[in-house]
Amino acid sequence: MLATVVLVFGTATAGNADPKPTESGLRKQLAALEKKVDGLIADYNAKRVALAKAKVSEKAARDRLGAAQSDYDAAQQALRDMAGLRYQTDSAIAGSPVPLVDLNGSTVAYQLQEEQAARMTQFDQVRTERQRAADAAKALTAQLKTQSADVAEQRSDAERLIDEIKDKLDKLIPIAPGRRPGGAWAPELPSGADNITPRMRFMRSEVEQHFQLRFPVGCYRAETSGEHPLGRACDFMMSSGGTMPAPDMKALGDSIAAWAIKNGPKLGVMYIIWQQRIYNLGRPGWRPMADRGGITANHYDHVHISMY
């Protein structure tokens, strides 16, 4: 469709900015941007995957640190208990006329000394493990912070490039037929088997090109008022009619309405009705409409677009 339409860009004169690029120039720029953004998106997605893995590793390291801290606290308490027991035993041995021995003949003091030495060795091992776990958790936390920053930066770069692509796409939308030099729109007669104006037909084709419509588009109707009998309005259905649209179709209707508002000045849109609200491009802003008594009458199941 775009190939058959002459874009109105104007010519450069002394004191003016550089001439706007042609459609072919814009398409070349757009192709280069799309190739670049694909690379950015792939890199961003890979970083997101790596970040998710890093979060799992960091959590495992913190769990390990928590377990090591519990073991450390238990070993430390065991040493305190052993120290208290030795103190009591040493006092008992000092007050006894003969050394206290166990069934194997070794002194209780010697046995306690050996057990305390073993517990000290265990405590050293637990303390070492706690330090290693703490170091690992600290390193992974720092790595996670860096990776999070990288992902955020990559996302920002991709979003900026996507916005640039959107701007290029907007520039590719041509000006509809019939716009006068001052910005007004000349009236048009309906034509063709669909009984709509060339401008309305052009708008319909643009919507069909930019969005994946799932339901029929209704335009001409033999009524006594409004733009439908004039061939200057189309209803872009978001359901089979008479039923509320599904959430994804409601979102599609929102997108079509927003797109028509944004590009309306180039396409000749007069107003849009959607979800019992009207947006008149001559008086920007959504305004509520009176209840007409039904889903279709209140434009909940279709986006109505009227043209000049």
Protein backbone atom coordinates (compact mmCIF):
# COMPACT_ATOMS: atom_id res chain seq x y z
CA MET A 1 0.00 0.00 0.00
CA LEU A 2 2.77 2.41 0.98
CA ALA A 3 4.58 1.94 -2.30
CA THR A 4 1.67 3.41 -4.22
CA VAL A 5 1.31 6.55 -2.13
CA VAL A 6 3.38 9.67 -2.58
CA LEU A 7 4.65 10.96 0.75
CA VAL A 8 4.28 14.70 1.33
CA PHE A 9 7.53 15.86 2.87
CA GLY A 10 8.16 19.29 1.36
CA THR A 11 11.42 20.61 -0.08
CA ALA A 12 14.43 22.20 1.54
CA THR A 13 14.95 25.93 1.14
CA ALA A 14 17.61 28.32 2.38
CA GLY A 15 17.30 28.68 6.13
CA ASN A 16 15.21 25.54 6.46
CA ALA A 17 16.27 22.25 7.97
CA ASP A 18 17.58 19.44 5.78
CA PRO A 19 14.89 17.87 3.60
CA LYS A 20 13.05 14.98 5.16
CA PRO A 21 14.14 11.58 3.90
CA THR A 22 12.23 9.81 1.18
CA GLU A 23 10.21 6.69 1.85
CA SER A 24 13.02 4.49 0.46
CA GLY A 25 15.52 6.30 2.68
CA LEU A 26 13.34 5.78 5.71
CA ARG A 27 12.92 2.10 4.89
CA LYS A 28 16.70 1.65 4.67
CA GLN A 29 17.16 3.37 8.02
CA LEU A 30 14.39 1.24 9.49
CA ALA A 31 15.94 -2.00 8.19
CA ALA A 32 19.30 -1.07 9.74
CA LEU A 33 17.65 -0.20 13.06
CA GLU A 34 15.65 -3.42 13.11
CA LYS A 35 18.81 -5.47 12.53
CA LYS A 36 20.56 -3.59 15.33
CA VAL A 37 17.66 -3.96 17.75
CA ASP A 38 17.49 -7.70 17.08
CA GLY A 39 21.10 -7.98 18.27
CA LEU A 40 20.35 -5.86 21.31
CA ILE A 41 17.29 -7.91 22.19
CA ALA A 42 19.20 -11.19 21.86
CA ASP A 43 21.98 -9.84 24.09
CA TYR A 44 19.45 -8.49 26.58
CA ASN A 45 17.63 -11.81 26.73
CA ALA A 46 20.90 -13.72 27.27
CA LYS A 47 21.77 -11.38 30.11
CA ARG A 48 18.32 -11.92 31.63
CA VAL A 49 18.88 -15.68 31.57
CA ALA A 50 22.33 -15.30 33.14
CA LEU A 51 20.87 -13.00 35.77
CA ALA A 52 18.19 -15.55 36.66
CA LYS A 53 20.88 -18.21 37.10
CA ALA A 54 22.97 -15.82 39.19
CA LYS A 55 20.00 -15.20 41.47
CA VAL A 56 19.65 -18.95 42.03
CA SER A 57 23.39 -19.27 42.80
CA GLU A 58 23.30 -16.28 45.13
CA LYS A 59 20.34 -17.73 47.03
CA ALA A 60 22.12 -21.09 47.34
CA ALA A 61 25.20 -19.29 48.68
CA ARG A 62 23.11 -17.43 51.25
CA ASP A 63 21.40 -20.68 52.28
CA ARG A 64 24.85 -22.24 52.67
CA LEU A 65 25.94 -19.27 54.77
CA GLY A 66 22.84 -19.61 56.94
CA ALA A 67 23.54 -23.31 57.53
CA ALA A 68 27.21 -22.58 58.25
CA GLN A 69 26.24 -19.89 60.74
CA SER A 70 23.90 -22.34 62.51
CA ASP A 71 26.66 -24.94 62.67
CA TYR A 72 29.07 -22.30 63.98
CA ASP A 73 26.67 -21.20 66.70
CA ALA A 74 26.09 -24.84 67.74
CA ALA A 75 29.83 -25.60 67.82
CA GLN A 76 30.50 -22.43 69.81
CA GLN A 77 27.84 -23.38 72.36
CA ALA A 78 29.28 -26.89 72.59
CA LEU A 79 32.68 -25.42 73.43
CA ARG A 80 31.13 -23.26 76.13
CA ASP A 81 29.38 -26.30 77.57
CA MET A 82 32.63 -28.29 77.46
CA ALA A 83 34.53 -25.51 79.17
CA GLY A 84 31.93 -25.43 81.94
CA LEU A 85 32.05 -29.23 82.34
CA ARG A 86 35.86 -29.25 82.53
CA TYR A 87 35.79 -26.53 85.14
CA GLN A 88 33.40 -28.56 87.28
CA THR A 89 35.38 -31.79 86.72
CA ASP A 90 38.75 -30.18 87.48
CA SER A 91 37.28 -28.83 90.72
CA ALA A 92 35.95 -32.30 91.64
CA ILE A 93 39.29 -33.97 90.88
CA ALA A 94 41.17 -31.37 92.90
CA GLY A 95 38.98 -32.09 95.92
CA SER A 96 39.16 -35.89 95.58
CA PRO A 97 41.78 -37.90 97.53
CA VAL A 98 42.21 -40.26 94.51
CA PRO A 99 42.07 -39.57 90.74
CA LEU A 100 38.66 -40.14 89.13
CA VAL A 101 38.80 -42.84 86.43
CA ASP A 102 36.25 -44.28 83.97
CA LEU A 103 35.57 -47.94 83.28
CA ASN A 104 38.55 -48.14 80.86
CA GLY A 105 40.95 -46.88 83.42
CA SER A 106 41.63 -43.44 81.92
CA THR A 107 41.16 -40.35 84.02
CA VAL A 108 38.04 -38.29 83.51
CA ALA A 109 40.21 -35.22 83.08
CA TYR A 110 42.16 -36.82 80.23
CA GLN A 111 38.95 -37.92 78.53
CA LEU A 112 37.45 -34.45 78.75
CA GLN A 113 40.67 -32.98 77.43
CA GLU A 114 40.56 -35.24 74.38
CA GLU A 115 36.90 -34.47 73.73
CA GLN A 116 37.53 -30.76 74.03
CA ALA A 117 40.41 -31.02 71.56
CA ALA A 118 38.13 -32.82 69.11
CA ARG A 119 35.46 -30.20 69.52
CA MET A 120 38.02 -27.45 68.96
CA THR A 121 39.07 -29.12 65.70
CA GLN A 122 35.41 -29.35 64.65
CA PHE A 123 34.89 -25.71 65.64
CA ASP A 124 37.86 -24.63 63.48
CA GLN A 125 36.39 -26.52 60.53
CA VAL A 126 32.95 -25.00 61.04
CA ARG A 127 34.45 -21.53 61.43
CA THR A 128 36.44 -21.98 58.20
CA GLU A 129 33.33 -23.16 56.34
CA ARG A 130 31.38 -20.17 57.64
CA GLN A 131 34.04 -17.79 56.35
CA ARG A 132 34.15 -19.48 52.96
CA ALA A 133 30.36 -19.36 52.71
CA ALA A 134 30.37 -15.69 53.68
CA ASP A 135 33.04 -14.88 51.07
CA ALA A 136 31.16 -16.82 48.37
CA ALA A 137 27.87 -15.12 49.22
CA LYS A 138 29.53 -11.68 49.20
CA ALA A 139 31.15 -12.34 45.81
CA LEU A 140 27.93 -13.64 44.27
CA THR A 141 25.96 -10.69 45.67
CA ALA A 142 28.43 -8.28 44.08
CA GLN A 143 28.22 -10.23 40.81
CA LEU A 144 24.42 -10.16 40.96
CA LYS A 145 24.45 -6.39 41.48
CA THR A 146 26.71 -5.91 38.46
CA GLN A 147 24.63 -8.23 36.28
CA SER A 148 21.42 -6.51 37.35
CA ALA A 149 22.90 -3.15 36.33
CA ASP A 150 24.01 -4.62 32.98
CA VAL A 151 20.53 -5.98 32.30
CA ALA A 152 18.91 -2.65 33.20
CA GLU A 153 21.33 -0.77 30.93
CA GLN A 154 20.78 -3.24 28.10
CA ARG A 155 17.03 -2.88 28.48
CA SER A 156 17.29 0.92 28.36
CA ASP A 157 19.41 0.76 25.19
CA ALA A 158 16.90 -1.58 23.54
CA GLU A 159 13.94 0.57 24.58
CA ARG A 160 15.61 3.71 23.17
CA LEU A 161 16.22 1.94 19.88
CA ILE A 162 12.65 0.61 19.82
CA ASP A 163 11.37 4.17 20.34
CA GLU A 164 13.55 5.28 17.42
CA ILE A 165 12.06 2.51 15.28
CA LYS A 166 8.56 3.58 16.30
CA ASP A 167 9.41 7.12 15.23
CA LYS A 168 10.60 5.86 11.84
CA LEU A 169 7.45 3.78 11.46
CA ASP A 170 5.32 6.81 12.24
CA LYS A 171 7.14 8.78 9.56
CA LEU A 172 6.37 6.03 7.08
CA ILE A 173 2.64 6.58 7.52
CA PRO A 174 1.72 8.65 4.47
CA ILE A 175 -0.68 11.54 4.29
CA ALA A 176 -4.15 10.52 3.18
CA PRO A 177 -5.60 12.00 -0.03
CA GLY A 178 -7.50 15.26 0.06
CA ARG A 179 -5.54 17.32 2.58
CA ARG A 180 -5.29 20.97 1.58
CA PRO A 181 -2.15 23.10 2.09
CA GLY A 182 -3.62 24.77 5.18
CA GLY A 183 -4.37 21.43 6.83
CA ALA A 184 -8.09 21.25 6.02
CA TRP A 185 -9.60 18.20 4.34
CA ALA A 186 -11.56 18.47 1.11
CA PRO A 187 -14.87 16.55 1.00
CA GLU A 188 -14.87 13.30 -0.96
CA LEU A 189 -17.57 11.30 -2.70
CA PRO A 190 -18.02 7.63 -1.81
CA SER A 191 -16.98 5.20 -4.50
CA GLY A 192 -16.43 1.52 -5.18
CA ALA A 193 -18.43 -1.52 -4.18
CA ASP A 194 -17.84 -0.78 -0.48
CA ASN A 195 -19.49 2.68 -0.80
CA ILE A 196 -16.87 4.57 1.20
CA THR A 197 -14.63 7.53 0.43
CA PRO A 198 -11.05 7.10 -0.78
CA ARG A 199 -9.82 8.59 2.51
CA MET A 200 -11.88 6.14 4.58
CA ARG A 201 -10.70 3.24 2.42
CA PHE A 202 -7.12 4.41 2.87
CA MET A 203 -7.55 4.58 6.65
CA ARG A 204 -9.11 1.11 6.75
CA SER A 205 -6.19 -0.35 4.79
CA GLU A 206 -3.69 1.30 7.15
CA VAL A 207 -5.38 -0.20 10.20
CA GLU A 208 -5.51 -3.62 8.53
CA GLN A 209 -1.82 -3.30 7.67
CA HIS A 210 -0.70 -2.30 11.17
CA PHE A 211 -2.93 -4.57 13.27
CA GLN A 212 -4.04 -8.19 13.16
CA LEU A 213 -7.81 -7.91 13.05
CA ARG A 214 -9.85 -11.01 13.89
CA PHE A 215 -13.36 -9.80 13.11
CA PRO A 216 -14.95 -8.07 10.09
CA VAL A 217 -14.79 -4.31 9.58
CA GLY A 218 -18.16 -2.67 9.01
CA CYS A 219 -18.30 0.64 7.14
CA TYR A 220 -21.24 1.80 5.01
CA ARG A 221 -24.72 1.56 6.52
CA ALA A 222 -27.91 3.15 5.21
CA GLU A 223 -28.77 5.28 8.24
CA THR A 224 -30.26 8.74 8.63
CA SER A 225 -27.40 10.33 10.57
CA GLY A 226 -23.71 10.07 11.28
CA GLU A 227 -20.86 9.30 8.90
CA HIS A 228 -21.70 5.68 8.04
CA PRO A 229 -24.23 6.61 5.29
CA LEU A 230 -21.73 9.16 3.97
CA GLY A 231 -19.06 6.46 3.60
CA ARG A 232 -16.86 8.26 6.11
CA ALA A 233 -16.93 5.83 9.07
CA CYS A 234 -15.86 2.27 9.82
CA ASP A 235 -16.38 0.04 12.84
CA PHE A 236 -13.39 -2.16 13.70
CA MET A 237 -14.94 -5.04 15.60
CA MET A 238 -13.25 -6.41 18.71
CA SER A 239 -15.80 -9.21 19.21
CA SER A 240 -18.40 -11.01 17.10
CA GLY A 241 -20.84 -8.22 18.01
CA GLY A 242 -23.09 -7.64 20.99
CA THR A 243 -20.59 -9.22 23.41
CA MET A 244 -17.82 -7.67 25.45
CA PRO A 245 -14.38 -8.23 23.92
CA ALA A 246 -11.92 -10.62 25.54
CA PRO A 247 -9.05 -8.94 27.45
CA ASP A 248 -6.62 -9.32 24.54
CA MET A 249 -9.16 -7.82 22.13
CA LYS A 250 -9.87 -4.98 24.55
CA ALA A 251 -6.12 -4.30 24.54
CA LEU A 252 -6.13 -4.42 20.72
CA GLY A 253 -8.98 -1.90 20.62
CA ASP A 254 -7.03 0.37 22.96
CA SER A 255 -4.01 0.14 20.66
CA ILE A 256 -6.01 0.89 17.52
CA ALA A 257 -7.69 3.90 19.16
CA ALA A 258 -4.34 5.25 20.41
CA TRP A 259 -2.75 4.71 17.00
CA ALA A 260 -5.63 6.48 15.23
CA ILE A 261 -5.34 9.43 17.62
CA LYS A 262 -1.59 9.71 17.11
CA ASN A 263 -1.72 9.44 13.32
CA GLY A 264 -5.11 11.02 12.81
CA PRO A 265 -3.78 14.40 11.65
CA LYS A 266 -2.00 12.69 8.73
CA LEU A 267 -4.87 10.36 7.90
CA GLY A 268 -7.81 12.73 8.20
CA VAL A 269 -9.47 11.29 11.32
CA MET A 270 -12.29 13.45 12.69
CA TYR A 271 -13.16 11.48 15.84
CA ILE A 272 -12.95 8.06 17.46
CA ILE A 273 -15.52 6.33 19.68
CA TRP A 274 -14.52 3.42 21.90
CA GLN A 275 -15.79 2.05 25.21
CA GLN A 276 -18.55 4.67 25.59
CA ARG A 277 -16.06 7.53 25.12
CA ILE A 278 -15.36 9.89 22.24
CA TYR A 279 -12.08 11.52 21.19
CA ASN A 280 -12.48 14.46 18.83
CA LEU A 281 -9.17 15.39 17.24
CA GLY A 282 -10.30 19.00 17.06
CA ARG A 283 -10.71 18.98 20.87
CA PRO A 284 -8.11 16.50 22.17
CA GLY A 285 -9.01 14.30 25.12
CA TRP A 286 -11.38 11.43 25.80
CA ARG A 287 -14.89 12.44 26.87
CA PRO A 288 -17.61 10.18 28.27
CA MET A 289 -20.78 9.56 26.25
CA ALA A 290 -24.35 9.00 27.39
CA ASP A 291 -25.54 5.42 27.85
CA ARG A 292 -27.24 4.32 24.62
CA GLY A 293 -28.51 1.10 26.15
CA GLY A 294 -26.32 -1.70 24.84
CA ILE A 295 -22.82 -3.08 24.28
CA THR A 296 -22.77 -2.27 20.59
CA ALA A 297 -24.61 1.04 20.91
CA ASN A 298 -22.07 2.11 23.56
CA HIS A 299 -19.16 1.03 21.35
CA TYR A 300 -17.79 -1.56 23.78
CA ASP A 301 -17.41 -4.19 21.05
CA HIS A 302 -15.90 -2.02 18.31
CA VAL A 303 -13.69 0.98 17.64
CA HIS A 304 -15.56 3.55 15.55
CA ILE A 305 -13.42 5.85 13.40
CA SER A 306 -14.96 8.77 11.51
CA MET A 307 -13.07 10.68 8.84
CA TYR A 308 -13.28 14.20 7.49
